[in-house]
Amino acid sequence: MMDELIEALQQLGLTSYEAKVLVALTQYGSGTAADIHALSGIPRSAVYGVITKLDDKGLIETQNTKPMRYKALPPEVLINRLKADYEKAIEFSGDQLENIYHAKDGDKEEGSVWNISGVKNVNDKITLMLESAGEEIVFASSYPSLYEVTKVYPIMDSIKDTVQKKISEGVIVKITGRDKGHVKEFVREFPGAQVRAYSNAKTSSPLKGGILVIDNKEILVITINDDVVPISLNATWYGGKEHVQIFKHFADTEWDASSPVDDGK
């Protein structure tokens, strides 16, 4: 139990030595530097450095006696201060990582390609791309199994929720499919989206996958294997300008050759 407590305190931002000293002072009330060494088990040479850090963090009180004694704050106060520091660290880290992430947007390496495997990883990537959309989302060649995958894996409901949110924000959403019956499901599922069905006798075989285009800036080519149970999902992400232009051309060509679909009413 004590080891678990030390580990938990480390997860709140303390070092192992700092956690051990706090636990010892909480357990025994107060102590001198020599007491802390004996009670916590940390090296004598490290005691004063740890005390100074805990004092700087406002986690202990110092009594000006000879020798000086140290006392931990009440547990509730300790935890509240650690929690506040932890939340500040999370907020700061999040802001800085966001700045770093977006700073590279204008310098993405041309021809960037990433392969993604597994339903959860593909789902997370699709959701992340959808969240970043500010102007247009295009789902091209939406094979029926792409819709079926959302039934097999509840985790993929997040995709539906995100698309619906983006439509409500005014983002243009275009969806094409090769099965009119399934395409009608998209009409009902995403009111406000522009939905079309593509039919061509020369391409009667279903395409096992689809293309996701976000703001003409990034592409995700999704492939589905429905010959296995459960259905598997893989994808390839393209960020280079040339790649985006090529795949967007195919998506636009299919859109132009498709016919609008309503919900059958």
Foldseek 3Di string as FASTA:
>chain_A
DLVVQLVVVVVLPDDSLLSLLLVQQQVPVKAALVVSCVRSVDDSVCSVVSVVVCVVLVQWDWDPDVVIMIHGDPPVVNVVSSVVVSVVVVVVVVVVVVVVVVVCLVVDDAWDKDKFWWDVRVLVVLLVLLQPFDAEKEKFACFLVVVVVCVVDVVSVSNLVSLQVVLVVVHAYEYEYADQVSQLVVCVSRPNYWYWYFYDPVPPDRAQWIWIQGPLFKIKTKGWDVVDPPITIMIMITGHNVVSVVVVVVRVVRVVRTGTHYNPD
